[in-house]
Amino acid sequence: MSRFSKLRELVTRARSLEAEARRMASNSPERVERLIAAEEHRAQAEWLADRIDDDEYNARLVECLDARAFPVT
């Protein structure tokens, strides 16, 4: 898979997850999970496109892990 294809796949998946989340109830744990997964995909896409460095990428992944561990609904 080419780099561009991988980037497109990640961005498409992030948008799809956000669209699913918008259709769910605002206090739904599944909504929170989809939004977190979308952010992970977006962070990976930005990292692959060299828009963010390794430290920023890891920081964003840690934020996602924190959000999963302590979800606020």
N, C-alpha and C. Protein backbone atom coordinates (compact mmCIF):
# COMPACT_ATOMS: atom_id res chain seq x y z
N MET A 1 0.85 -1.17 0.00
CA MET A 1 0.00 0.00 0.00
C MET A 1 0.90 1.24 0.00
N SER A 2 0.60 2.15 -0.87
CA SER A 2 1.42 3.36 -0.95
C SER A 2 1.12 4.28 0.23
N ARG A 3 2.02 5.20 0.45
CA ARG A 3 1.87 6.13 1.56
C ARG A 3 0.61 6.98 1.39
N PHE A 4 0.36 7.45 0.16
CA PHE A 4 -0.83 8.25 -0.09
C PHE A 4 -2.10 7.43 0.17
N SER A 5 -2.12 6.19 -0.23
CA SER A 5 -3.29 5.33 -0.01
C SER A 5 -3.54 5.14 1.48
N LYS A 6 -2.46 4.95 2.23
CA LYS A 6 -2.59 4.78 3.68
C LYS A 6 -3.13 6.05 4.33
N LEU A 7 -2.62 7.21 3.90
CA LEU A 7 -3.11 8.48 4.43
C LEU A 7 -4.60 8.66 4.13
N ARG A 8 -4.97 8.37 2.89
CA ARG A 8 -6.38 8.52 2.50
C ARG A 8 -7.26 7.56 3.31
N GLU A 9 -6.80 6.35 3.51
CA GLU A 9 -7.56 5.39 4.30
C GLU A 9 -7.74 5.87 5.74
N LEU A 10 -6.69 6.40 6.34
CA LEU A 10 -6.77 6.87 7.72
C LEU A 10 -7.72 8.06 7.85
N VAL A 11 -7.64 9.01 6.93
CA VAL A 11 -8.51 10.18 6.99
C VAL A 11 -9.96 9.77 6.73
N THR A 12 -10.18 8.89 5.78
CA THR A 12 -11.53 8.42 5.50
C THR A 12 -12.12 7.71 6.70
N ARG A 13 -11.33 6.88 7.34
CA ARG A 13 -11.80 6.15 8.52
C ARG A 13 -12.12 7.12 9.66
N ALA A 14 -11.28 8.13 9.86
CA ALA A 14 -11.54 9.12 10.91
C ALA A 14 -12.86 9.85 10.65
N ARG A 15 -13.09 10.26 9.41
CA ARG A 15 -14.33 10.95 9.07
C ARG A 15 -15.54 10.04 9.25
N SER A 16 -15.38 8.78 8.88
CA SER A 16 -16.47 7.82 9.03
C SER A 16 -16.83 7.62 10.51
N LEU A 17 -15.82 7.50 11.34
CA LEU A 17 -16.06 7.33 12.77
C LEU A 17 -16.73 8.56 13.37
N GLU A 18 -16.32 9.74 12.95
CA GLU A 18 -16.95 10.96 13.44
C GLU A 18 -18.41 11.04 13.00
N ALA A 19 -18.69 10.63 11.78
CA ALA A 19 -20.07 10.63 11.29
C ALA A 19 -20.93 9.67 12.09
N GLU A 20 -20.39 8.49 12.40
CA GLU A 20 -21.12 7.54 13.24
C GLU A 20 -21.38 8.14 14.61
N ALA A 21 -20.39 8.79 15.18
CA ALA A 21 -20.52 9.36 16.51
C ALA A 21 -21.60 10.45 16.55
N ARG A 22 -21.69 11.24 15.48
CA ARG A 22 -22.69 12.30 15.45
C ARG A 22 -24.11 11.75 15.47
N ARG A 23 -24.30 10.53 14.97
CA ARG A 23 -25.63 9.93 14.94
C ARG A 23 -26.02 9.28 16.26
N MET A 24 -25.09 9.20 17.20
CA MET A 24 -25.35 8.54 18.48
C MET A 24 -25.77 9.55 19.54
N ALA A 25 -26.32 9.02 20.61
CA ALA A 25 -26.69 9.87 21.74
C ALA A 25 -25.45 10.51 22.33
N SER A 26 -25.59 11.74 22.79
CA SER A 26 -24.43 12.50 23.26
C SER A 26 -23.79 11.89 24.51
N ASN A 27 -24.52 11.13 25.29
CA ASN A 27 -23.96 10.53 26.50
C ASN A 27 -23.61 9.06 26.32
N SER A 28 -23.54 8.60 25.11
CA SER A 28 -23.27 7.20 24.81
C SER A 28 -21.77 6.89 24.92
N PRO A 29 -21.40 5.82 25.63
CA PRO A 29 -19.99 5.43 25.69
C PRO A 29 -19.44 5.04 24.31
N GLU A 30 -20.29 4.50 23.46
CA GLU A 30 -19.86 4.14 22.11
C GLU A 30 -19.49 5.38 21.31
N ARG A 31 -20.19 6.47 21.55
CA ARG A 31 -19.88 7.73 20.86
C ARG A 31 -18.48 8.20 21.25
N VAL A 32 -18.20 8.15 22.54
CA VAL A 32 -16.89 8.56 23.03
C VAL A 32 -15.80 7.69 22.42
N GLU A 33 -16.04 6.39 22.37
CA GLU A 33 -15.05 5.46 21.80
C GLU A 33 -14.78 5.77 20.33
N ARG A 34 -15.82 6.07 19.58
CA ARG A 34 -15.63 6.38 18.16
C ARG A 34 -14.87 7.69 17.96
N LEU A 35 -15.16 8.67 18.79
CA LEU A 35 -14.43 9.93 18.69
C LEU A 35 -12.95 9.77 19.04
N ILE A 36 -12.67 8.94 20.02
CA ILE A 36 -11.27 8.67 20.39
C ILE A 36 -10.57 7.94 19.25
N ALA A 37 -11.23 6.94 18.68
CA ALA A 37 -10.63 6.19 17.57
C ALA A 37 -10.39 7.11 16.37
N ALA A 38 -11.31 8.03 16.12
CA ALA A 38 -11.14 8.98 15.01
C ALA A 38 -9.91 9.85 15.26
N GLU A 39 -9.72 10.30 16.48
CA GLU A 39 -8.55 11.12 16.80
C GLU A 39 -7.26 10.33 16.63
N GLU A 40 -7.28 9.06 17.00
CA GLU A 40 -6.08 8.22 16.80
C GLU A 40 -5.74 8.09 15.32
N HIS A 41 -6.76 7.86 14.50
CA HIS A 41 -6.54 7.76 13.06
C HIS A 41 -6.00 9.08 12.49
N ARG A 42 -6.58 10.18 12.94
CA ARG A 42 -6.15 11.49 12.44
C ARG A 42 -4.70 11.77 12.87
N ALA A 43 -4.35 11.43 14.09
CA ALA A 43 -2.98 11.65 14.56
C ALA A 43 -2.00 10.82 13.74
N GLN A 44 -2.36 9.58 13.46
CA GLN A 44 -1.48 8.73 12.67
C GLN A 44 -1.31 9.29 11.25
N ALA A 45 -2.39 9.79 10.68
CA ALA A 45 -2.31 10.36 9.33
C ALA A 45 -1.41 11.60 9.33
N GLU A 46 -1.55 12.45 10.32
CA GLU A 46 -0.71 13.65 10.39
C GLU A 46 0.76 13.28 10.61
N TRP A 47 1.00 12.25 11.38
CA TRP A 47 2.37 11.79 11.62
C TRP A 47 2.99 11.22 10.34
N LEU A 48 2.21 10.41 9.61
CA LEU A 48 2.70 9.86 8.35
C LEU A 48 2.96 10.94 7.30
N ALA A 49 2.18 12.01 7.36
CA ALA A 49 2.35 13.12 6.42
C ALA A 49 3.43 14.10 6.89
N ASP A 50 4.10 13.79 7.98
CA ASP A 50 5.15 14.64 8.55
C ASP A 50 4.64 16.00 8.97
N ARG A 51 3.40 16.08 9.38
CA ARG A 51 2.86 17.34 9.90
C ARG A 51 3.14 17.49 11.38
N ILE A 52 3.31 16.36 12.06
CA ILE A 52 3.67 16.39 13.48
C ILE A 52 4.86 15.46 13.68
N ASP A 53 5.64 15.75 14.71
CA ASP A 53 6.82 14.92 14.98
C ASP A 53 6.44 13.75 15.89
N ASP A 54 7.42 12.92 16.19
CA ASP A 54 7.19 11.73 17.00
C ASP A 54 6.66 12.07 18.39
N ASP A 55 7.22 13.13 19.00
CA ASP A 55 6.79 13.51 20.34
C ASP A 55 5.34 13.94 20.37
N GLU A 56 4.93 14.75 19.40
CA GLU A 56 3.54 15.19 19.33
C GLU A 56 2.61 14.00 19.07
N TYR A 57 3.03 13.11 18.19
CA TYR A 57 2.22 11.93 17.89
C TYR A 57 2.02 11.08 19.15
N ASN A 58 3.10 10.84 19.87
CA ASN A 58 3.00 10.05 21.10
C ASN A 58 2.16 10.76 22.15
N ALA A 59 2.28 12.07 22.24
CA ALA A 59 1.47 12.82 23.20
C ALA A 59 -0.02 12.70 22.88
N ARG A 60 -0.35 12.75 21.60
CA ARG A 60 -1.76 12.62 21.22
C ARG A 60 -2.28 11.21 21.49
N LEU A 61 -1.45 10.20 21.29
CA LEU A 61 -1.87 8.84 21.61
C LEU A 61 -2.07 8.65 23.11
N VAL A 62 -1.22 9.28 23.90
CA VAL A 62 -1.37 9.21 25.36
C VAL A 62 -2.67 9.88 25.79
N GLU A 63 -3.00 11.01 25.16
CA GLU A 63 -4.27 11.67 25.45
C GLU A 63 -5.46 10.77 25.12
N CYS A 64 -5.35 10.04 24.04
CA CYS A 64 -6.42 9.10 23.67
C CYS A 64 -6.53 7.98 24.70
N LEU A 65 -5.41 7.48 25.16
CA LEU A 65 -5.43 6.45 26.19
C LEU A 65 -6.04 6.98 27.48
N ASP A 66 -5.71 8.20 27.85
CA ASP A 66 -6.30 8.81 29.03
C ASP A 66 -7.81 8.97 28.87
N ALA A 67 -8.23 9.38 27.69
CA ALA A 67 -9.66 9.56 27.44
C ALA A 67 -10.40 8.22 27.53
N ARG A 68 -9.75 7.16 27.08
CA ARG A 68 -10.38 5.83 27.20
C ARG A 68 -10.45 5.39 28.65
N ALA A 69 -9.41 5.68 29.41
CA ALA A 69 -9.36 5.24 30.81
C ALA A 69 -10.34 6.02 31.68
N PHE A 70 -10.51 7.30 31.37
CA PHE A 70 -11.38 8.16 32.18
C PHE A 70 -12.33 8.94 31.30
N PRO A 71 -13.32 8.26 30.69
CA PRO A 71 -14.22 8.95 29.77
C PRO A 71 -15.15 9.92 30.51
N VAL A 72 -15.39 11.03 29.89
CA VAL A 72 -16.31 12.03 30.43
C VAL A 72 -17.51 12.06 29.50
N THR A 73 -18.67 11.73 30.03
CA THR A 73 -19.89 11.74 29.19
C THR A 73 -20.86 12.76 29.69
